[in-house]
Protein backbone atom coordinates (compact mmCIF):
# COMPACT_ATOMS: atom_id res chain seq x y z
CA UNK A 1 0.02 0.00 0.00
CA UNK A 2 2.83 2.40 0.86
CA UNK A 3 4.45 1.64 -2.50
CA UNK A 4 1.34 2.60 -4.42
CA UNK A 5 0.67 5.68 -2.26
CA UNK A 6 4.18 6.89 -3.08
CA UNK A 7 3.53 6.42 -6.79
CA UNK A 8 0.28 8.36 -6.61
CA UNK A 9 2.11 11.14 -4.77
CA UNK A 10 4.77 11.25 -7.45
CA UNK A 11 2.12 11.63 -10.20
CA UNK A 12 0.33 14.38 -8.21
CA UNK A 13 3.60 16.29 -7.80
CA UNK A 14 4.34 16.07 -11.53
CA UNK A 15 0.87 17.41 -12.32
CA UNK A 16 1.22 20.28 -9.86
CA UNK A 17 4.55 21.30 -11.38
CA UNK A 18 2.96 21.53 -14.81
CA UNK A 19 -0.47 22.83 -13.84
CA UNK A 20 0.33 26.49 -14.46
CA UNK A 21 1.25 25.74 -18.07
CA UNK A 22 -1.41 23.17 -18.87
CA UNK A 23 -3.37 25.59 -21.08
CA UNK A 24 -4.09 25.52 -24.75
CA UNK A 25 -5.63 26.61 -27.97
CA UNK A 26 -5.86 29.35 -30.49
CA UNK A 27 -8.73 31.34 -28.99
CA UNK A 28 -9.17 32.54 -25.41
CA UNK A 29 -12.28 30.38 -24.89
CA UNK A 30 -10.56 27.26 -26.26
CA UNK A 31 -7.61 27.83 -23.95
CA UNK A 32 -9.84 28.08 -20.93
CA UNK A 33 -11.88 25.02 -21.98
CA UNK A 34 -8.68 23.03 -22.34
CA UNK A 35 -7.48 24.20 -18.92
CA UNK A 36 -10.67 22.93 -17.34
CA UNK A 37 -10.23 19.61 -19.10
CA UNK A 38 -6.64 19.32 -17.89
CA UNK A 39 -7.57 20.20 -14.28
CA UNK A 40 -10.21 17.50 -14.28
CA UNK A 41 -7.41 15.01 -13.53
CA UNK A 42 -7.70 16.07 -9.89
CA UNK A 43 -11.21 14.66 -9.73
CA UNK A 44 -14.76 15.91 -10.24
CA UNK A 45 -15.70 19.22 -8.61
CA UNK A 46 -12.08 20.01 -7.78
CA UNK A 47 -12.19 23.25 -9.82
CA UNK A 48 -14.32 26.20 -8.74
CA UNK A 49 -14.80 29.52 -10.60
CA UNK A 50 -16.49 32.76 -9.56
CA UNK A 51 -17.27 34.19 -13.02
CA UNK A 52 -16.22 34.21 -16.67
CA UNK A 53 -16.16 37.60 -18.42
CA UNK A 54 -15.42 38.09 -22.12
CA UNK A 55 -14.43 41.61 -23.19
CA UNK A 56 -13.20 41.99 -26.76
CA UNK A 57 -10.40 39.47 -27.37
CA UNK A 58 -9.75 38.83 -23.63
CA UNK A 59 -11.46 36.26 -21.41
CA UNK A 60 -11.08 36.89 -17.67
CA UNK A 61 -11.87 34.03 -15.32
CA UNK A 62 -12.33 35.23 -11.78
CA UNK A 63 -11.75 33.57 -8.38
CA UNK A 64 -10.24 30.39 -9.72
CA UNK A 65 -9.58 27.80 -7.00
CA UNK A 66 -8.46 24.15 -7.03
CA UNK A 67 -9.29 21.78 -4.16
CA UNK A 68 -7.79 18.29 -3.73
CA UNK A 69 -8.29 15.74 -0.95
CA UNK A 70 -5.84 12.88 -0.46
CA UNK A 71 -6.16 10.62 2.57
CA UNK A 72 -6.64 12.99 5.58
CA UNK A 73 -5.27 16.14 3.98
CA UNK A 74 -7.15 18.75 1.96
CA UNK A 75 -5.20 21.11 -0.31
CA UNK A 76 -6.78 24.27 -1.66
CA UNK A 77 -4.99 26.57 -4.08
CA UNK A 78 -6.70 29.95 -4.42
CA UNK A 79 -5.29 31.02 -7.79
CA UNK A 80 -7.46 34.13 -8.20
CA UNK A 81 -8.12 35.82 -11.52
CA UNK A 82 -6.64 34.47 -14.78
CA UNK A 83 -6.86 36.26 -18.15
CA UNK A 84 -6.56 34.77 -21.65
CA UNK A 85 -5.78 37.43 -24.26
CA UNK A 86 -5.84 36.59 -27.99
CA UNK A 87 -2.78 38.09 -29.67
CA UNK A 88 -4.11 38.25 -33.21
CA UNK A 89 -1.46 35.87 -34.52
CA UNK A 90 -3.09 32.61 -33.54
CA UNK A 91 -1.58 32.61 -30.03
CA UNK A 92 -2.99 33.39 -26.60
CA UNK A 93 -1.20 35.17 -23.78
CA UNK A 94 -2.08 33.96 -20.29
CA UNK A 95 -1.75 36.28 -17.28
CA UNK A 96 -2.03 35.23 -13.67
CA UNK A 97 -1.77 37.03 -10.33
CA UNK A 98 1.74 37.56 -9.01
CA UNK A 99 1.03 35.45 -5.91
CA UNK A 100 -1.52 33.03 -4.55
CA UNK A 101 -1.86 30.90 -1.39
CA UNK A 102 -2.06 27.14 -1.03
CA UNK A 103 -3.67 25.98 2.22
CA UNK A 104 -3.22 22.45 3.59
CA UNK A 105 -5.60 21.27 6.34
CA UNK A 106 -5.77 17.92 8.08
CA UNK A 107 -8.59 16.32 10.03
CA UNK A 108 -7.00 17.24 13.36
CA UNK A 109 -7.27 20.94 12.53
CA UNK A 110 -3.66 21.69 11.64
CA UNK A 111 -3.46 24.35 8.93
CA UNK A 112 -0.40 25.25 6.87
CA UNK A 113 -0.34 28.06 4.36
CA UNK A 114 2.18 28.17 1.52
CA UNK A 115 2.53 31.32 -0.59
CA UNK A 116 3.50 31.01 -4.27
CA UNK A 117 5.02 34.18 -5.79
CA UNK A 118 6.04 34.54 -9.44
CA UNK A 119 7.70 37.61 -10.96
CA UNK A 120 8.08 38.43 -14.63
CA UNK A 121 5.89 35.50 -15.65
CA UNK A 122 5.23 35.25 -19.41
CA UNK A 123 3.09 32.46 -20.79
CA UNK A 124 2.16 32.11 -24.46
CA UNK A 125 0.02 29.33 -25.94
CA UNK A 126 -0.07 28.40 -29.63
CA UNK A 127 -0.80 25.50 -31.94
CA UNK A 128 -4.01 23.63 -32.71
CA UNK A 129 -6.64 21.90 -30.61
CA UNK A 130 -4.89 18.51 -30.81
CA UNK A 131 -1.27 19.74 -31.00
CA UNK A 132 -0.76 22.51 -28.43
CA UNK A 133 2.56 24.23 -27.59
CA UNK A 134 3.39 26.45 -24.67
CA UNK A 135 6.32 28.74 -23.92
CA UNK A 136 6.86 29.92 -20.34
CA UNK A 137 9.46 32.11 -18.67
CA UNK A 138 9.79 33.94 -15.34
CA UNK A 139 12.37 35.96 -13.50
CA UNK A 140 11.65 34.02 -10.34
CA UNK A 141 9.21 31.49 -8.86
CA UNK A 142 9.11 31.36 -5.06
CA UNK A 143 7.39 28.90 -2.76
CA UNK A 144 7.39 30.00 0.88
CA UNK A 145 5.84 28.64 4.05
CA UNK A 146 3.73 31.50 5.33
CA UNK A 147 2.20 30.05 8.48
CA UNK A 148 1.47 26.89 10.44
CA UNK A 149 -1.20 26.79 13.11
CA UNK A 150 -1.80 23.66 15.17
CA UNK A 151 -3.61 24.30 18.41
CA UNK A 152 -1.33 26.43 20.53
CA UNK A 153 1.55 25.97 18.10
CA UNK A 154 2.24 28.86 15.69
CA UNK A 155 5.03 28.80 13.13
CA UNK A 156 7.71 31.50 13.52
CA UNK A 157 10.38 31.85 10.82
CA UNK A 158 11.22 31.71 7.15
CA UNK A 159 11.14 28.64 4.92
CA UNK A 160 11.34 29.18 1.17
CA UNK A 161 12.64 27.91 -2.14
CA UNK A 162 13.16 30.27 -5.04
CA UNK A 163 13.88 29.39 -8.65
CA UNK A 164 15.67 32.11 -10.59
CA UNK A 165 15.40 32.76 -14.32
CA UNK A 166 13.10 29.97 -15.43
CA UNK A 167 12.33 28.90 -18.99
CA UNK A 168 10.14 26.03 -20.11
CA UNK A 169 8.14 24.49 -22.90
CA UNK A 170 5.10 22.29 -22.70
CA UNK A 171 3.38 20.27 -25.39
CA UNK A 172 0.00 18.55 -25.37
CA UNK A 173 -0.96 15.92 -27.93
CA UNK A 174 -4.43 14.41 -28.00
CA UNK A 175 -5.30 11.12 -29.68
CA UNK A 176 -6.49 7.91 -28.03
CA UNK A 177 -4.61 9.16 -24.97
CA UNK A 178 -3.62 12.60 -23.75
CA UNK A 179 0.15 12.95 -24.05
CA UNK A 180 1.97 15.72 -22.18
CA UNK A 181 5.64 16.55 -22.66
CA UNK A 182 7.46 19.09 -20.48
CA UNK A 183 11.01 20.48 -20.43
CA UNK A 184 12.24 23.26 -18.19
CA UNK A 185 15.42 24.91 -17.03
CA UNK A 186 16.21 26.96 -13.91
CA UNK A 187 19.41 28.90 -13.75
CA UNK A 188 19.62 28.56 -9.98
CA UNK A 189 17.54 27.65 -6.91
CA UNK A 190 17.93 29.36 -3.55
CA UNK A 191 16.85 27.54 -0.35
CA UNK A 192 16.33 29.29 2.98
CA UNK A 193 15.30 27.94 6.40
CA UNK A 194 15.39 30.24 9.43
CA UNK A 195 13.12 28.96 12.21
CA UNK A 196 12.94 29.63 15.92
CA UNK A 197 11.68 26.47 17.65
CA UNK A 198 8.46 27.28 19.55
CA UNK A 199 8.45 26.96 23.35
CA UNK A 200 12.21 26.32 23.35
CA UNK A 201 14.34 29.24 24.50
CA UNK A 202 17.17 30.01 22.09
CA UNK A 203 16.72 26.90 19.94
CA UNK A 204 16.67 27.33 16.17
CA UNK A 205 17.17 25.77 12.74
CA UNK A 206 18.92 27.67 9.98
CA UNK A 207 19.89 26.43 6.54
CA UNK A 208 20.92 28.08 3.32
CA UNK A 209 21.52 26.41 -0.03
CA UNK A 210 22.05 27.11 -3.70
CA UNK A 211 21.53 24.69 -6.60
CA UNK A 212 22.86 25.60 -10.02
CA UNK A 213 21.79 24.53 -13.49
CA UNK A 214 18.60 22.58 -12.83
CA UNK A 215 17.09 20.99 -15.97
CA UNK A 216 13.86 19.01 -15.81
CA UNK A 217 11.80 16.95 -18.25
CA UNK A 218 8.66 14.81 -18.02
CA UNK A 219 6.35 12.79 -20.25
CA UNK A 220 2.85 11.81 -19.10
CA UNK A 221 0.23 9.67 -20.86
CA UNK A 222 -3.28 9.41 -19.52
CA UNK A 223 -6.84 8.68 -20.66
CA UNK A 224 -8.77 11.68 -22.00
CA UNK A 225 -11.25 11.44 -19.12
CA UNK A 226 -8.82 10.01 -16.60
CA UNK A 227 -8.49 11.18 -12.98
CA UNK A 228 -4.87 11.23 -12.02
CA UNK A 229 -5.47 10.98 -8.24
CA UNK A 230 -7.60 7.83 -8.15
CA UNK A 231 -7.04 5.14 -5.55
CA UNK A 232 -9.27 2.72 -7.44
CA UNK A 233 -7.13 2.21 -10.53
CA UNK A 234 -3.59 3.37 -9.75
CA UNK A 235 -2.01 2.92 -13.21
CA UNK A 236 -4.37 0.28 -14.62
CA UNK A 237 -6.20 2.87 -16.77
CA UNK A 238 -3.20 3.33 -19.07
CA UNK A 239 -1.62 6.27 -17.22
CA UNK A 240 2.16 6.31 -17.35
CA UNK A 241 4.86 8.85 -16.60
CA UNK A 242 8.57 9.24 -17.05
CA UNK A 243 10.84 12.11 -16.22
CA UNK A 244 13.73 13.37 -14.19
CA UNK A 245 16.28 16.09 -13.86
CA UNK A 246 19.95 16.90 -14.12
CA UNK A 247 21.65 19.41 -11.86
CA UNK A 248 25.00 21.19 -11.58
CA UNK A 249 26.94 22.11 -8.49
CA UNK A 250 25.09 22.67 -5.21
CA UNK A 251 26.19 24.07 -1.84
CA UNK A 252 24.51 24.12 1.57
CA UNK A 253 25.34 25.52 5.03
CA UNK A 254 23.38 24.81 8.22
CA UNK A 255 23.34 25.61 11.93
CA UNK A 256 21.00 23.77 14.26
CA UNK A 257 20.53 24.24 18.00
CA UNK A 258 17.91 21.82 19.34
CA UNK A 259 17.33 19.83 22.52
CA UNK A 260 20.52 21.18 24.06
CA UNK A 261 22.78 20.12 21.17
CA UNK A 262 24.29 22.38 18.52
CA UNK A 263 25.49 21.23 15.12
CA UNK A 264 26.72 23.27 12.17
CA UNK A 265 28.44 22.50 8.92
CA UNK A 266 28.42 22.56 5.13
CA UNK A 267 27.64 20.14 2.32
CA UNK A 268 28.54 20.43 -1.36
CA UNK A 269 27.99 18.24 -4.40
CA UNK A 270 28.91 18.26 -8.07
CA UNK A 271 26.62 17.18 -10.88
CA UNK A 272 23.67 14.89 -10.28
CA UNK A 273 20.71 13.25 -12.01
CA UNK A 274 17.46 11.47 -11.27
CA UNK A 275 15.31 9.48 -13.72
CA UNK A 276 11.96 7.73 -13.18
CA UNK A 277 9.55 5.64 -15.21
CA UNK A 278 6.23 4.47 -13.78
CA UNK A 279 3.38 2.57 -15.41
CA UNK A 280 1.28 -0.51 -14.91
CA UNK A 281 3.97 -2.48 -16.73
CA UNK A 282 7.18 -1.23 -15.20
CA UNK A 283 8.94 0.75 -12.44
CA UNK A 284 12.36 2.22 -13.13
CA UNK A 285 14.23 4.54 -10.82
CA UNK A 286 17.84 5.71 -10.91
CA UNK A 287 19.99 8.51 -9.56
CA UNK A 288 23.60 9.54 -9.18
CA UNK A 289 25.50 12.40 -7.52
CA UNK A 290 29.21 13.16 -7.82
CA UNK A 291 31.84 14.91 -5.74
CA UNK A 292 30.10 15.01 -2.37
CA UNK A 293 31.87 16.71 0.54
CA UNK A 294 30.54 17.37 4.04
CA UNK A 295 31.99 19.00 7.12
CA UNK A 296 30.08 18.85 10.42
CA UNK A 297 30.98 20.49 13.74
CA UNK A 298 28.95 19.32 16.72
CA UNK A 299 29.04 19.83 20.45
CA UNK A 300 28.76 16.06 20.75
CA UNK A 301 32.10 15.51 18.96
CA UNK A 302 35.50 16.92 20.04
CA UNK A 303 36.58 17.54 16.44
CA UNK A 304 35.06 18.31 13.00
CA UNK A 305 33.67 15.37 11.04
CA UNK A 306 34.70 15.41 7.38
CA UNK A 307 33.32 13.02 4.80
CA UNK A 308 33.80 12.81 1.03
CA UNK A 309 32.53 10.68 -1.87
CA UNK A 310 33.47 10.73 -5.52
CA UNK A 311 29.99 9.38 -6.34
CA UNK A 312 26.94 7.64 -4.93
CA UNK A 313 24.07 6.23 -6.92
CA UNK A 314 21.39 3.59 -7.26
CA UNK A 315 19.16 2.02 -9.89
CA UNK A 316 16.07 -0.15 -9.78
CA UNK A 317 14.17 -1.51 -12.80
CA UNK A 318 11.46 -4.11 -12.28
CA UNK A 319 8.48 -5.41 -14.31
CA UNK A 320 5.03 -5.00 -12.69
CA UNK A 321 2.54 -6.62 -15.09
CA UNK A 322 1.69 -10.31 -15.12
CA UNK A 323 3.30 -11.99 -18.11
CA UNK A 324 3.61 -15.33 -19.85
CA UNK A 325 7.31 -14.73 -20.41
CA UNK A 326 10.18 -13.58 -18.22
CA UNK A 327 10.98 -9.84 -18.26
CA UNK A 328 14.26 -8.06 -17.56
CA UNK A 329 15.02 -6.53 -14.16
CA UNK A 330 18.04 -4.77 -12.66
CA UNK A 331 19.28 -3.44 -9.32
CA UNK A 332 22.46 -1.60 -8.36
CA UNK A 333 24.05 0.55 -5.69
CA UNK A 334 27.26 2.61 -5.81
CA UNK A 335 29.26 4.20 -3.02
CA UNK A 336 32.58 5.25 -4.59
CA UNK A 337 35.75 6.52 -2.90
CA UNK A 338 34.40 7.20 0.56
CA UNK A 339 36.86 9.12 2.67
CA UNK A 340 36.73 10.34 6.26
CA UNK A 341 39.09 12.67 8.14
CA UNK A 342 42.18 11.35 9.95
CA UNK A 343 40.64 12.27 13.28
CA UNK A 344 37.82 9.79 12.66
CA UNK A 345 40.28 7.10 11.62
CA UNK A 346 42.25 7.75 14.81
CA UNK A 347 39.27 6.88 16.98
CA UNK A 348 39.63 3.17 16.20
CA UNK A 349 43.13 3.11 14.63
CA UNK A 350 45.28 5.53 16.66
CA UNK A 351 48.57 3.88 15.63
CA UNK A 352 47.82 4.12 11.92
CA UNK A 353 47.89 0.36 11.28
CA UNK A 354 45.19 0.19 8.62
CA UNK A 355 45.68 1.67 5.13
CA UNK A 356 43.49 4.75 4.89
CA UNK A 357 42.57 4.29 1.24
CA UNK A 358 39.14 5.42 0.02
CA UNK A 359 36.43 2.76 0.49
CA UNK A 360 34.15 1.65 -2.35
CA UNK A 361 31.04 -0.52 -2.60
CA UNK A 362 29.56 -1.26 -6.02
CA UNK A 363 27.03 -4.07 -6.56
CA UNK A 364 24.99 -4.65 -9.66
CA UNK A 365 22.46 -7.37 -10.54
CA UNK A 366 20.46 -8.03 -13.68
CA UNK A 367 18.26 -10.86 -14.81
CA UNK A 368 14.92 -12.16 -16.00
CA UNK A 369 11.80 -12.73 -13.94
CA UNK A 370 8.14 -13.35 -14.75
CA UNK A 371 5.65 -11.38 -12.64
CA UNK A 372 2.79 -13.59 -11.48
CA UNK A 373 0.44 -10.69 -10.73
CA UNK A 374 -0.46 -7.23 -11.97
CA UNK A 375 1.25 -5.41 -9.13
CA UNK A 376 -0.60 -2.13 -9.71
CA UNK A 377 -4.08 -3.68 -9.82
CA UNK A 378 -5.96 -3.04 -6.53
CA UNK A 379 -8.01 -6.19 -7.14
CA UNK A 380 -4.84 -8.29 -6.92
CA UNK A 381 -3.33 -6.47 -3.97
CA UNK A 382 -4.24 -9.07 -1.36
CA UNK A 383 -2.99 -11.90 -3.57
CA UNK A 384 0.35 -10.14 -3.98
CA UNK A 385 0.65 -9.61 -0.22
CA UNK A 386 -0.16 -13.23 0.48
CA UNK A 387 2.25 -14.60 -2.10
CA UNK A 388 5.59 -15.87 -0.85
CA UNK A 389 7.22 -15.03 -4.21
CA UNK A 390 5.25 -12.78 -6.61
CA UNK A 391 7.88 -13.33 -9.32
CA UNK A 392 9.08 -16.46 -11.08
CA UNK A 393 12.86 -16.11 -11.27
CA UNK A 394 14.57 -17.26 -14.47
CA UNK A 395 18.07 -15.72 -14.62
CA UNK A 396 20.36 -13.63 -12.39
CA UNK A 397 23.70 -12.14 -13.46
CA UNK A 398 26.15 -10.38 -11.17
CA UNK A 399 27.05 -7.43 -13.40
CA UNK A 400 29.22 -5.56 -10.92
CA UNK A 401 31.03 -6.45 -7.70
CA UNK A 402 33.69 -4.06 -6.47
CA UNK A 403 34.32 -3.72 -2.74
CA UNK A 404 37.43 -2.02 -1.33
CA UNK A 405 38.03 -1.22 2.32
CA UNK A 406 41.13 -0.86 4.54
CA UNK A 407 43.51 -2.28 1.95
CA UNK A 408 41.39 -5.33 0.98
CA UNK A 409 39.43 -5.68 -2.27
CA UNK A 410 36.75 -8.03 -3.52
CA UNK A 411 35.73 -8.31 -7.17
CA UNK A 412 33.71 -10.89 -9.01
CA UNK A 413 31.23 -11.95 -11.65
CA UNK A 414 28.78 -14.76 -12.18
CA UNK A 415 25.43 -15.89 -13.59
CA UNK A 416 22.76 -18.41 -12.66
CA UNK A 417 19.68 -19.77 -14.41
CA UNK A 418 16.75 -21.23 -12.45
CA UNK A 419 14.58 -24.27 -13.11
CA UNK A 420 11.12 -23.47 -11.77
CA UNK A 421 9.92 -27.02 -12.34
CA UNK A 422 12.16 -28.10 -9.41
CA UNK A 423 11.13 -26.29 -6.21
CA UNK A 424 12.38 -29.10 -3.97
CA UNK A 425 16.18 -29.40 -4.34
CA UNK A 426 16.84 -25.82 -3.05
CA UNK A 427 13.41 -25.22 -1.48
CA UNK A 428 11.84 -22.74 -1.30
CA UNK A 429 13.81 -21.42 -4.30
CA UNK A 430 13.83 -22.92 -7.79
CA UNK A 431 16.91 -24.99 -8.55
CA UNK A 432 19.80 -22.80 -9.77
CA UNK A 433 22.54 -23.69 -12.24
CA UNK A 434 25.63 -21.58 -12.90
CA UNK A 435 28.85 -20.26 -11.33
CA UNK A 436 30.06 -17.32 -9.22
CA UNK A 437 33.73 -16.28 -9.34
CA UNK A 438 35.26 -14.04 -6.69
CA UNK A 439 38.76 -12.55 -6.44
CA UNK A 440 40.01 -11.31 -3.06
CA UNK A 441 43.18 -9.29 -2.54
CA UNK A 442 44.72 -8.19 0.75
CA UNK A 443 42.38 -10.13 3.05
CA UNK A 444 45.17 -11.83 5.04
CA UNK A 445 46.82 -8.50 5.49
CA UNK A 446 43.57 -7.00 6.80
CA UNK A 447 43.10 -9.89 9.26
CA UNK A 448 46.73 -9.46 10.49
CA UNK A 449 46.10 -5.72 10.99
CA UNK A 450 42.96 -6.40 13.01
CA UNK A 451 45.00 -8.66 15.29
CA UNK A 452 47.77 -6.03 15.59
CA UNK A 453 45.22 -3.42 16.58
CA UNK A 454 43.85 -5.73 19.27
CA UNK A 455 40.36 -5.73 17.78
CA UNK A 456 40.37 -9.52 17.32
CA UNK A 457 42.37 -12.04 19.42
CA UNK A 458 44.93 -13.98 17.38
CA UNK A 459 43.43 -17.39 18.37
CA UNK A 460 40.09 -16.37 16.89
CA UNK A 461 41.63 -15.92 13.45
CA UNK A 462 42.22 -19.64 12.92
CA UNK A 463 38.59 -20.38 12.01
CA UNK A 464 38.21 -17.73 9.26
CA UNK A 465 41.63 -18.68 7.78
CA UNK A 466 40.55 -22.32 7.64
CA UNK A 467 37.36 -21.32 5.91
CA UNK A 468 39.36 -19.39 3.32
CA UNK A 469 41.46 -22.46 2.74
CA UNK A 470 38.36 -24.58 2.13
CA UNK A 471 36.57 -22.24 -0.23
CA UNK A 472 39.40 -20.29 -1.91
CA UNK A 473 42.73 -21.01 -3.56
CA UNK A 474 45.82 -18.84 -3.55
CA UNK A 475 46.75 -17.20 -6.86
CA UNK A 476 49.52 -14.93 -5.61
CA UNK A 477 50.84 -12.94 -2.68
CA UNK A 478 47.77 -12.38 -0.49
CA UNK A 479 45.58 -13.08 -3.50
CA UNK A 480 42.71 -15.53 -3.36
CA UNK A 481 40.17 -16.79 -5.86
CA UNK A 482 37.01 -18.79 -5.30
CA UNK A 483 34.55 -20.31 -7.73
CA UNK A 484 31.21 -21.55 -6.51
CA UNK A 485 29.40 -23.75 -9.04
CA UNK A 486 25.98 -25.36 -8.97
CA UNK A 487 25.49 -28.09 -11.52
CA UNK A 488 22.38 -29.19 -13.34
CA UNK A 489 21.88 -32.18 -11.04
CA UNK A 490 21.99 -30.03 -7.87
CA UNK A 491 25.64 -30.53 -6.87
CA UNK A 492 27.42 -27.56 -5.24
CA UNK A 493 31.17 -27.28 -6.01
CA UNK A 494 33.72 -24.94 -4.45
CA UNK A 495 36.81 -24.71 -6.71
CA UNK A 496 35.88 -28.09 -8.14
CA UNK A 497 35.43 -29.75 -4.74
CA UNK A 498 31.94 -31.05 -4.04
CA UNK A 499 30.43 -29.64 -0.83
CA UNK A 500 26.84 -30.68 -1.46
């Protein structure tokens, strides 16, 4: 349930980001009619309007408001007056108020008000009724928390995010499905948090950040009469979305004094990216950030904490729709060149016994699996939850294995196929067949160093060394190699020696 709620939230966010530009056609009336059709994705009766006035070539729609309810929270955006002015060249210029509030209210009575402010906004719509193009630009677009009231609690402080020098394009195509394509660029984004903690004398949270070179893109397909926020169909009505962003360098500073502890520091990162794809058939999600550096000074630590990474990332790609044939999947994590300051090393290695080389963990898997259920179908939700294995596994390949820490390294590769007609030999898994090869360098040296440091008694090292002798063979000075093989008749071999 949490997985599907997260997907619905992601779709809602994408729609909110594009709502201001989801307008179209060659006349003012057609633009407004299309806007109403687009806003219908939030559900029936979500849009309210005070009046529609046509004067010459300009249509003014007054007191526009959008109300959405999701779970226990109601969101109401009071957009105000919107005008649609025909330009005489087949295009329509759209003008909105410089600012409008968004109010969030929950069932317990908590109310939060967010103020959206846009300066220098220019929005022009052109094209035809079934091929609509938009061009949008603004000097700035600011989202700021204006107030929070929850019983006796009242918000006090500044929380805002401001995009500077925005440009974007938006295209709508209408056929059997409504297809929306969006691309936007923001020169920089400023983040500010300056909050005094209520009922706590002298306690505060401050944060400032700047993100450079943000570029975004998204593609959405949905039924012409579809409701995007609909717990009854999730993505089974044909809705799909893909998108993501790339970003340049970012920098943050913070200072927090809470519950008697103070912590301050800075974080910076190089380029980064995020990509998503969500539909009834597939979920794909990947991200990567480079050149991360953090420095933290805390009253709880006697020295600054410094951490660095050349990159961290992840990827997930899984099929979601029931199929008669196996479908590809993939998973991977990356934590490259992790470094910490010498003071941190000295806490557990004061005599500098261990090599202080950067640490790395990279693991990648790919394979084929057949989904046994439609994972996004609410009618099959209980069956999925009750199933021990909602996928039928066919193949798994180790595409990446690279682990390096304290002078020892582990690399490897391998692949296995699975016979789903035999669920007994390796119950509850199908019977595998294949081989895994692993190369280990520097492990004996690491074990010796752990003994020298006094972290492990020397007599306790005999068991792990015997295990290495059983499952690995020496290929050089402190170099080991191990091959684990599972044969078609269920035998398990370690370096050719049968162990099962």
